[in-house]
C-alpha atoms as a PDB file:
ATOM      1  CA  UNK A   1       1.250  40.838  41.905  1.00  0.00           C
ATOM      2  CA  UNK A   2       3.947  38.932  39.880  1.00  0.00           C
ATOM      3  CA  UNK A   3       7.338  40.664  39.477  1.00  0.00           C
ATOM      4  CA  UNK A   4       8.810  41.467  36.190  1.00  0.00           C
ATOM      5  CA  UNK A   5      11.742  38.909  36.877  1.00  0.00           C
ATOM      6  CA  UNK A   6       8.910  36.250  37.705  1.00  0.00           C
ATOM      7  CA  UNK A   7       7.024  36.985  34.552  1.00  0.00           C
ATOM      8  CA  UNK A   8      10.331  36.840  32.417  1.00  0.00           C
ATOM      9  CA  UNK A   9      11.230  33.582  33.845  1.00  0.00           C
ATOM     10  CA  UNK A  10       7.809  32.191  33.273  1.00  0.00           C
ATOM     11  CA  UNK A  11       7.888  33.357  29.663  1.00  0.00           C
ATOM     12  CA  UNK A  12      11.294  31.921  29.076  1.00  0.00           C
ATOM     13  CA  UNK A  13      10.198  28.512  30.685  1.00  0.00           C
ATOM     14  CA  UNK A  14       7.200  28.455  28.405  1.00  0.00           C
ATOM     15  CA  UNK A  15       9.144  29.234  25.277  1.00  0.00           C
ATOM     16  CA  UNK A  16      11.736  26.622  26.216  1.00  0.00           C
ATOM     17  CA  UNK A  17       8.931  23.935  26.585  1.00  0.00           C
ATOM     18  CA  UNK A  18       7.332  24.983  23.262  1.00  0.00           C
ATOM     19  CA  UNK A  19      10.887  24.588  21.462  1.00  0.00           C
ATOM     20  CA  UNK A  20      11.435  21.273  23.135  1.00  0.00           C
ATOM     21  CA  UNK A  21       8.060  20.008  21.985  1.00  0.00           C
ATOM     22  CA  UNK A  22       8.584  21.444  18.451  1.00  0.00           C
ATOM     23  CA  UNK A  23      11.991  19.745  18.371  1.00  0.00           C
ATOM     24  CA  UNK A  24      10.605  16.506  19.395  1.00  0.00           C
ATOM     25  CA  UNK A  25       7.839  16.600  16.807  1.00  0.00           C
ATOM     26  CA  UNK A  26      10.421  17.451  14.021  1.00  0.00           C
ATOM     27  CA  UNK A  27      12.635  14.426  15.299  1.00  0.00           C
ATOM     28  CA  UNK A  28      13.394  12.066  12.239  1.00  0.00           C
ATOM     29  CA  UNK A  29      11.053   9.076  12.184  1.00  0.00           C
ATOM     30  CA  UNK A  30      14.115   6.773  12.261  1.00  0.00           C
ATOM     31  CA  UNK A  31      14.943   7.851  15.732  1.00  0.00           C
ATOM     32  CA  UNK A  32      11.401   7.349  17.012  1.00  0.00           C
ATOM     33  CA  UNK A  33      11.230   3.915  15.495  1.00  0.00           C
ATOM     34  CA  UNK A  34      14.333   2.995  17.092  1.00  0.00           C
ATOM     35  CA  UNK A  35      13.700   4.362  20.429  1.00  0.00           C
ATOM     36  CA  UNK A  36      10.251   2.678  20.384  1.00  0.00           C
ATOM     37  CA  UNK A  37      11.653  -0.599  19.099  1.00  0.00           C
ATOM     38  CA  UNK A  38       8.849  -1.104  16.815  1.00  0.00           C
ATOM     39  CA  UNK A  39       7.885  -0.273  13.276  1.00  0.00           C
ATOM     40  CA  UNK A  40       4.198   0.548  13.009  1.00  0.00           C
ATOM     41  CA  UNK A  41       2.976  -0.902   9.807  1.00  0.00           C
ATOM     42  CA  UNK A  42      -0.385  -0.724   8.404  1.00  0.00           C
ATOM     43  CA  UNK A  43      -1.880  -3.384   5.883  1.00  0.00           C
ATOM     44  CA  UNK A  44      -5.382  -4.137   4.812  1.00  0.00           C
ATOM     45  CA  UNK A  45      -5.123  -7.658   5.932  1.00  0.00           C
ATOM     46  CA  UNK A  46      -7.639  -8.907   3.278  1.00  0.00           C
ATOM     47  CA  UNK A  47      -5.639  -8.426   0.306  1.00  0.00           C
ATOM     48  CA  UNK A  48      -4.068 -11.905  -0.728  1.00  0.00           C
ATOM     49  CA  UNK A  49      -1.554 -12.767  -1.683  1.00  0.00           C
ATOM     50  CA  UNK A  50       0.025  -9.417  -0.524  1.00  0.00           C
ATOM     51  CA  UNK A  51      -1.592  -9.427   3.094  1.00  0.00           C
ATOM     52  CA  UNK A  52      -4.022 -11.697   4.498  1.00  0.00           C
ATOM     53  CA  UNK A  53      -4.873 -13.815   7.580  1.00  0.00           C
ATOM     54  CA  UNK A  54      -4.142 -17.350   7.467  1.00  0.00           C
ATOM     55  CA  UNK A  55      -6.637 -20.074   9.015  1.00  0.00           C
ATOM     56  CA  UNK A  56      -5.154 -19.531  12.359  1.00  0.00           C
ATOM     57  CA  UNK A  57      -5.681 -15.702  12.216  1.00  0.00           C
ATOM     58  CA  UNK A  58      -2.137 -14.738  11.736  1.00  0.00           C
ATOM     59  CA  UNK A  59      -1.206 -12.058   9.188  1.00  0.00           C
ATOM     60  CA  UNK A  60       0.828 -13.259   6.302  1.00  0.00           C
ATOM     61  CA  UNK A  61       1.499 -12.674   2.651  1.00  0.00           C
ATOM     62  CA  UNK A  62       4.139 -10.915   0.576  1.00  0.00           C
ATOM     63  CA  UNK A  63       3.911  -7.482   2.136  1.00  0.00           C
ATOM     64  CA  UNK A  64       3.896  -9.015   5.657  1.00  0.00           C
ATOM     65  CA  UNK A  65       7.019 -10.904   4.938  1.00  0.00           C
ATOM     66  CA  UNK A  66       8.782  -7.970   3.338  1.00  0.00           C
ATOM     67  CA  UNK A  67       7.707  -5.609   6.293  1.00  0.00           C
ATOM     68  CA  UNK A  68       9.269  -8.335   8.688  1.00  0.00           C
ATOM     69  CA  UNK A  69      12.464  -8.233   6.737  1.00  0.00           C
ATOM     70  CA  UNK A  70      12.703  -4.580   6.654  1.00  0.00           C
ATOM     71  CA  UNK A  71      12.045  -4.227  10.421  1.00  0.00           C
ATOM     72  CA  UNK A  72      14.810  -6.907  10.920  1.00  0.00           C
ATOM     73  CA  UNK A  73      17.300  -4.799   8.934  1.00  0.00           C
ATOM     74  CA  UNK A  74      16.439  -1.764  11.198  1.00  0.00           C
ATOM     75  CA  UNK A  75      16.873  -3.910  14.248  1.00  0.00           C
ATOM     76  CA  UNK A  76      13.231  -3.485  15.488  1.00  0.00           C
ATOM     77  CA  UNK A  77      10.025  -5.504  15.524  1.00  0.00           C
ATOM     78  CA  UNK A  78       6.744  -4.925  13.561  1.00  0.00           C
ATOM     79  CA  UNK A  79       3.562  -3.748  15.175  1.00  0.00           C
ATOM     80  CA  UNK A  80       0.649  -4.189  12.699  1.00  0.00           C
ATOM     81  CA  UNK A  81      -2.500  -2.198  12.062  1.00  0.00           C
ATOM     82  CA  UNK A  82      -5.112  -3.567   9.704  1.00  0.00           C
ATOM     83  CA  UNK A  83      -7.660  -1.193   7.968  1.00  0.00           C
ATOM     84  CA  UNK A  84      -9.686  -1.048   4.899  1.00  0.00           C
ATOM     85  CA  UNK A  85      -7.873   0.573   2.134  1.00  0.00           C
ATOM     86  CA  UNK A  86     -10.372   3.341   1.928  1.00  0.00           C
ATOM     87  CA  UNK A  87      -8.963   4.756   5.125  1.00  0.00           C
ATOM     88  CA  UNK A  88      -5.462   3.615   5.237  1.00  0.00           C
ATOM     89  CA  UNK A  89      -3.801   6.792   3.598  1.00  0.00           C
ATOM     90  CA  UNK A  90      -5.700   9.032   6.016  1.00  0.00           C
ATOM     91  CA  UNK A  91      -4.642   6.991   8.996  1.00  0.00           C
ATOM     92  CA  UNK A  92      -0.864   7.413   7.756  1.00  0.00           C
ATOM     93  CA  UNK A  93      -1.442  11.151   7.602  1.00  0.00           C
ATOM     94  CA  UNK A  94      -2.906  11.268  11.106  1.00  0.00           C
ATOM     95  CA  UNK A  95       0.141   9.492  12.511  1.00  0.00           C
ATOM     96  CA  UNK A  96      -1.619   6.224  13.406  1.00  0.00           C
ATOM     97  CA  UNK A  97       1.195   4.099  12.088  1.00  0.00           C
ATOM     98  CA  UNK A  98       4.675   4.722  10.628  1.00  0.00           C
ATOM     99  CA  UNK A  99       4.484   3.227   7.072  1.00  0.00           C
ATOM    100  CA  UNK A 100       2.063   1.236   4.737  1.00  0.00           C
ATOM    101  CA  UNK A 101       3.217  -1.767   3.300  1.00  0.00           C
ATOM    102  CA  UNK A 102       0.343  -2.574   0.950  1.00  0.00           C
ATOM    103  CA  UNK A 103       1.146  -2.086  -2.654  1.00  0.00           C
ATOM    104  CA  UNK A 104       0.884   1.924  -2.579  1.00  0.00           C
ATOM    105  CA  UNK A 105       1.346   3.306  -5.936  1.00  0.00           C
ATOM    106  CA  UNK A 106       3.847   6.245  -5.727  1.00  0.00           C
ATOM    107  CA  UNK A 107       1.891   8.697  -7.652  1.00  0.00           C
ATOM    108  CA  UNK A 108       2.697  12.467  -8.092  1.00  0.00           C
ATOM    109  CA  UNK A 109      -0.538  13.221  -6.269  1.00  0.00           C
ATOM    110  CA  UNK A 110       0.413  11.076  -3.098  1.00  0.00           C
ATOM    111  CA  UNK A 111       4.049  12.525  -3.037  1.00  0.00           C
ATOM    112  CA  UNK A 112       2.471  15.767  -2.239  1.00  0.00           C
ATOM    113  CA  UNK A 113       1.563  14.403   1.149  1.00  0.00           C
ATOM    114  CA  UNK A 114       3.990  11.698   1.934  1.00  0.00           C
ATOM    115  CA  UNK A 115       7.299  10.625   1.191  1.00  0.00           C
ATOM    116  CA  UNK A 116       8.074   7.146  -0.392  1.00  0.00           C
ATOM    117  CA  UNK A 117      10.789   4.709  -0.255  1.00  0.00           C
ATOM    118  CA  UNK A 118      12.496   3.304  -3.394  1.00  0.00           C
ATOM    119  CA  UNK A 119       9.951   1.281  -5.422  1.00  0.00           C
ATOM    120  CA  UNK A 120       9.794  -2.330  -4.470  1.00  0.00           C
ATOM    121  CA  UNK A 121       7.156  -3.761  -6.843  1.00  0.00           C
ATOM    122  CA  UNK A 122       6.528  -2.989 -10.563  1.00  0.00           C
ATOM    123  CA  UNK A 123       3.148  -4.047 -11.912  1.00  0.00           C
ATOM    124  CA  UNK A 124       0.290  -2.857 -13.901  1.00  0.00           C
ATOM    125  CA  UNK A 125      -3.621  -2.580 -13.834  1.00  0.00           C
ATOM    126  CA  UNK A 126      -5.538  -5.519 -15.285  1.00  0.00           C
ATOM    127  CA  UNK A 127      -9.316  -6.353 -15.631  1.00  0.00           C
ATOM    128  CA  UNK A 128     -10.765  -9.166 -13.747  1.00  0.00           C
ATOM    129  CA  UNK A 129     -13.808 -10.868 -15.499  1.00  0.00           C
ATOM    130  CA  UNK A 130     -16.011 -13.963 -14.757  1.00  0.00           C
ATOM    131  CA  UNK A 131     -14.764 -17.287 -15.954  1.00  0.00           C
ATOM    132  CA  UNK A 132     -17.775 -17.543 -18.333  1.00  0.00           C
ATOM    133  CA  UNK A 133     -17.335 -14.106 -19.837  1.00  0.00           C
ATOM    134  CA  UNK A 134     -17.570 -14.176 -23.657  1.00  0.00           C
ATOM    135  CA  UNK A 135     -17.743 -10.428 -24.512  1.00  0.00           C
ATOM    136  CA  UNK A 136     -14.774  -8.629 -25.900  1.00  0.00           C
ATOM    137  CA  UNK A 137     -13.740  -6.449 -22.717  1.00  0.00           C
ATOM    138  CA  UNK A 138     -10.151  -5.213 -23.719  1.00  0.00           C
ATOM    139  CA  UNK A 139     -10.480  -1.382 -24.475  1.00  0.00           C
ATOM    140  CA  UNK A 140     -11.903   1.669 -23.161  1.00  0.00           C
ATOM    141  CA  UNK A 141     -14.518   1.477 -25.839  1.00  0.00           C
ATOM    142  CA  UNK A 142     -15.495  -1.927 -24.951  1.00  0.00           C
ATOM    143  CA  UNK A 143     -16.084  -0.794 -21.097  1.00  0.00           C
ATOM    144  CA  UNK A 144     -18.553   1.906 -22.115  1.00  0.00           C
ATOM    145  CA  UNK A 145     -21.828   1.223 -20.496  1.00  0.00           C
ATOM    146  CA  UNK A 146     -20.349  -1.431 -18.305  1.00  0.00           C
ATOM    147  CA  UNK A 147     -19.975  -1.643 -14.466  1.00  0.00           C
ATOM    148  CA  UNK A 148     -16.501  -1.548 -13.088  1.00  0.00           C
ATOM    149  CA  UNK A 149     -15.643  -2.326  -9.523  1.00  0.00           C
ATOM    150  CA  UNK A 150     -12.771  -0.688  -7.747  1.00  0.00           C
ATOM    151  CA  UNK A 151     -11.512   0.043  -4.299  1.00  0.00           C
ATOM    152  CA  UNK A 152     -12.352   3.254  -2.838  1.00  0.00           C
ATOM    153  CA  UNK A 153      -9.255   5.806  -2.981  1.00  0.00           C
ATOM    154  CA  UNK A 154      -7.103   3.393  -5.101  1.00  0.00           C
ATOM    155  CA  UNK A 155      -5.528   4.490  -8.279  1.00  0.00           C
ATOM    156  CA  UNK A 156      -7.592   1.805 -10.093  1.00  0.00           C
ATOM    157  CA  UNK A 157     -10.607   3.972  -9.014  1.00  0.00           C
ATOM    158  CA  UNK A 158      -8.887   7.024 -10.634  1.00  0.00           C
ATOM    159  CA  UNK A 159      -8.132   4.962 -13.695  1.00  0.00           C
ATOM    160  CA  UNK A 160     -11.698   3.650 -14.083  1.00  0.00           C
ATOM    161  CA  UNK A 161     -13.169   7.042 -13.631  1.00  0.00           C
ATOM    162  CA  UNK A 162     -11.227   8.189 -16.621  1.00  0.00           C
ATOM    163  CA  UNK A 163     -13.071   5.602 -18.979  1.00  0.00           C
ATOM    164  CA  UNK A 164     -15.644   7.477 -20.779  1.00  0.00           C
ATOM    165  CA  UNK A 165     -19.156   5.882 -20.545  1.00  0.00           C
ATOM    166  CA  UNK A 166     -18.239   3.589 -17.817  1.00  0.00           C
ATOM    167  CA  UNK A 167     -20.144   3.162 -14.513  1.00  0.00           C
ATOM    168  CA  UNK A 168     -17.730   3.007 -11.615  1.00  0.00           C
ATOM    169  CA  UNK A 169     -18.864   1.271  -8.496  1.00  0.00           C
ATOM    170  CA  UNK A 170     -16.533   1.858  -5.420  1.00  0.00           C
ATOM    171  CA  UNK A 171     -16.116  -0.541  -2.568  1.00  0.00           C
ATOM    172  CA  UNK A 172     -14.169  -0.719   0.584  1.00  0.00           C
ATOM    173  CA  UNK A 173     -11.870  -3.289  -0.757  1.00  0.00           C
ATOM    174  CA  UNK A 174     -11.294  -6.251  -3.151  1.00  0.00           C
ATOM    175  CA  UNK A 175     -13.247  -8.973  -1.353  1.00  0.00           C
ATOM    176  CA  UNK A 176     -16.466  -6.901  -1.653  1.00  0.00           C
ATOM    177  CA  UNK A 177     -16.152  -6.108  -5.459  1.00  0.00           C
ATOM    178  CA  UNK A 178     -14.848  -9.482  -6.319  1.00  0.00           C
ATOM    179  CA  UNK A 179     -18.043 -11.078  -4.666  1.00  0.00           C
ATOM    180  CA  UNK A 180     -20.238  -8.678  -6.548  1.00  0.00           C
ATOM    181  CA  UNK A 181     -18.328  -9.685  -9.828  1.00  0.00           C
ATOM    182  CA  UNK A 182     -18.754 -13.437  -9.186  1.00  0.00           C
ATOM    183  CA  UNK A 183     -22.486 -12.965  -8.707  1.00  0.00           C
ATOM    184  CA  UNK A 184     -22.943 -10.654 -11.845  1.00  0.00           C
ATOM    185  CA  UNK A 185     -23.640  -7.420 -10.108  1.00  0.00           C
ATOM    186  CA  UNK A 186     -20.865  -5.677 -11.955  1.00  0.00           C
ATOM    187  CA  UNK A 187     -19.384  -6.652 -15.381  1.00  0.00           C
ATOM    188  CA  UNK A 188     -15.645  -6.345 -14.458  1.00  0.00           C
ATOM    189  CA  UNK A 189     -13.254  -5.513 -11.701  1.00  0.00           C
ATOM    190  CA  UNK A 190      -9.978  -3.562 -11.968  1.00  0.00           C
ATOM    191  CA  UNK A 191      -6.904  -4.324  -9.813  1.00  0.00           C
ATOM    192  CA  UNK A 192      -3.146  -5.204  -9.681  1.00  0.00           C
ATOM    193  CA  UNK A 193      -2.089  -7.695 -12.356  1.00  0.00           C
ATOM    194  CA  UNK A 194      -0.003  -9.604  -9.767  1.00  0.00           C
ATOM    195  CA  UNK A 195      -3.323 -10.365  -7.816  1.00  0.00           C
ATOM    196  CA  UNK A 196      -4.951 -12.505 -10.673  1.00  0.00           C
ATOM    197  CA  UNK A 197      -2.701 -15.628 -10.659  1.00  0.00           C
ATOM    198  CA  UNK A 198      -3.369 -15.921  -6.886  1.00  0.00           C
ATOM    199  CA  UNK A 199      -7.256 -15.642  -7.363  1.00  0.00           C
ATOM    200  CA  UNK A 200      -7.122 -18.337  -9.994  1.00  0.00           C
ATOM    201  CA  UNK A 201      -5.186 -20.759  -8.066  1.00  0.00           C
ATOM    202  CA  UNK A 202      -6.187 -20.314  -4.396  1.00  0.00           C
ATOM    203  CA  UNK A 203      -9.816 -18.998  -4.390  1.00  0.00           C
ATOM    204  CA  UNK A 204     -13.110 -20.588  -5.489  1.00  0.00           C
ATOM    205  CA  UNK A 205     -14.288 -17.478  -7.022  1.00  0.00           C
ATOM    206  CA  UNK A 206     -15.363 -18.025 -10.772  1.00  0.00           C
ATOM    207  CA  UNK A 207     -13.074 -15.117 -11.998  1.00  0.00           C
ATOM    208  CA  UNK A 208     -10.071 -14.977 -14.323  1.00  0.00           C
ATOM    209  CA  UNK A 209      -7.584 -12.489 -15.834  1.00  0.00           C
ATOM    210  CA  UNK A 210      -8.794 -10.111 -18.357  1.00  0.00           C
ATOM    211  CA  UNK A 211      -7.066  -7.579 -20.381  1.00  0.00           C
ATOM    212  CA  UNK A 212      -4.260  -5.379 -19.022  1.00  0.00           C
ATOM    213  CA  UNK A 213      -5.240  -1.817 -18.899  1.00  0.00           C
ATOM    214  CA  UNK A 214      -3.340   1.557 -18.228  1.00  0.00           C
ATOM    215  CA  UNK A 215       0.416   1.984 -17.790  1.00  0.00           C
ATOM    216  CA  UNK A 216       3.070   0.095 -15.656  1.00  0.00           C
ATOM    217  CA  UNK A 217       3.452   1.570 -12.161  1.00  0.00           C
ATOM    218  CA  UNK A 218       5.895   1.387  -9.265  1.00  0.00           C
ATOM    219  CA  UNK A 219       4.759   0.683  -5.783  1.00  0.00           C
ATOM    220  CA  UNK A 220       6.398   1.905  -2.784  1.00  0.00           C
ATOM    221  CA  UNK A 221       6.317   2.412   0.875  1.00  0.00           C
ATOM    222  CA  UNK A 222       4.977   5.784   2.099  1.00  0.00           C
ATOM    223  CA  UNK A 223       5.580   7.644   5.327  1.00  0.00           C
ATOM    224  CA  UNK A 224       5.482  11.238   6.735  1.00  0.00           C
ATOM    225  CA  UNK A 225       7.402  13.843   5.141  1.00  0.00           C
ATOM    226  CA  UNK A 226      10.515  15.289   6.539  1.00  0.00           C
ATOM    227  CA  UNK A 227      12.484  12.102   7.787  1.00  0.00           C
ATOM    228  CA  UNK A 228      15.488  11.891   5.474  1.00  0.00           C
ATOM    229  CA  UNK A 229      17.358   9.427   8.028  1.00  0.00           C
ATOM    230  CA  UNK A 230      14.297   6.956   7.888  1.00  0.00           C
ATOM    231  CA  UNK A 231      14.060   7.115   4.100  1.00  0.00           C
ATOM    232  CA  UNK A 232      17.783   6.374   3.771  1.00  0.00           C
ATOM    233  CA  UNK A 233      17.376   3.502   6.178  1.00  0.00           C
ATOM    234  CA  UNK A 234      14.258   2.120   4.518  1.00  0.00           C
ATOM    235  CA  UNK A 235      15.996   2.264   0.999  1.00  0.00           C
ATOM    236  CA  UNK A 236      18.996   0.681   2.312  1.00  0.00           C
ATOM    237  CA  UNK A 237      17.103  -2.223   3.933  1.00  0.00           C
ATOM    238  CA  UNK A 238      15.265  -2.886   0.475  1.00  0.00           C
ATOM    239  CA  UNK A 239      18.599  -2.731  -1.261  1.00  0.00           C
ATOM    240  CA  UNK A 240      20.283  -5.104   1.209  1.00  0.00           C
ATOM    241  CA  UNK A 241      17.320  -7.544   0.947  1.00  0.00           C
ATOM    242  CA  UNK A 242      17.845  -7.614  -2.836  1.00  0.00           C
ATOM    243  CA  UNK A 243      21.465  -7.944  -2.489  1.00  0.00           C
ATOM    244  CA  UNK A 244      21.409 -10.954  -0.112  1.00  0.00           C
ATOM    245  CA  UNK A 245      18.571 -12.583  -2.190  1.00  0.00           C
ATOM    246  CA  UNK A 246      15.885 -12.541   0.532  1.00  0.00           C
ATOM    247  CA  UNK A 247      13.727 -10.195  -1.434  1.00  0.00           C
ATOM    248  CA  UNK A 248      13.815 -12.542  -4.459  1.00  0.00           C
ATOM    249  CA  UNK A 249      13.107 -15.495  -2.234  1.00  0.00           C
ATOM    250  CA  UNK A 250       9.880 -13.869  -0.698  1.00  0.00           C
ATOM    251  CA  UNK A 251       8.823 -12.773  -4.196  1.00  0.00           C
ATOM    252  CA  UNK A 252       9.345 -16.069  -5.811  1.00  0.00           C
ATOM    253  CA  UNK A 253       7.212 -17.716  -2.869  1.00  0.00           C
ATOM    254  CA  UNK A 254       4.140 -15.774  -3.872  1.00  0.00           C
ATOM    255  CA  UNK A 255       4.586 -14.874  -7.518  1.00  0.00           C
ATOM    256  CA  UNK A 256       7.125 -17.150  -8.979  1.00  0.00           C
ATOM    257  CA  UNK A 257       9.482 -14.401 -10.153  1.00  0.00           C
ATOM    258  CA  UNK A 258      11.077 -11.027  -8.964  1.00  0.00           C
ATOM    259  CA  UNK A 259       8.439  -8.522  -8.838  1.00  0.00           C
ATOM    260  CA  UNK A 260      10.673  -5.557  -8.434  1.00  0.00           C
ATOM    261  CA  UNK A 261      11.379  -5.891 -12.142  1.00  0.00           C
ATOM    262  CA  UNK A 262       8.844  -5.709 -14.950  1.00  0.00           C
ATOM    263  CA  UNK A 263       7.441  -8.948 -16.366  1.00  0.00           C
ATOM    264  CA  UNK A 264       9.175 -10.116 -19.365  1.00  0.00           C
ATOM    265  CA  UNK A 265       6.998  -9.487 -22.338  1.00  0.00           C
ATOM    266  CA  UNK A 266       5.885 -12.740 -24.310  1.00  0.00           C
END
């Protein structure tokens, strides 16, 4: 039969282990990243020019270069995960990666679950239409009865669902609904305004920019809550990249301007 002293020692050891485990779990993400030596970054990998694979299969794009630059400021390397947009936020919540660098709008709803870096991109939603489109598709009234393609779980899906009378079709990501748009299965698509010039220049899809719709929004980098040192480090990395001109250089490469600032009205 176990003695009282033995039982006390056993309970104390178990409590100590529990407290150590809890302490490890509560460690700031910055400490984990630096100890690991890698920043685990999630991207779709199919969202040009933000993130996509080049002909050799290597990830590239604006978000990829920004992630690499941030990791460089932190003194670590990047380990990438690619996943469809429809599952990317759930993966972050499950701890599969540290951050998402994939044009995530920092909405109030998402801030209930995640912390965010300072914004690094300012953009707005814009309709995408076929090249031969002649109908007036510019207002919510114009879109009544029309089929709108959006990415599952995106803020664009939420925006489209708020358009009275529109039929919203949800897809895993941009490649699928753009293909349906090109073949006439849907009337319009809705995505980031920064995507449209790339589509026009780099792809063979018969699509073009439609009307802007909805408010200007800020995109940022989400991560788990409760890591103030990590947030401070990410924000400082972004600020340093802007201060030394690296951010502007990467931005100009893909968009011809600094996308951390709203576009100049014309």
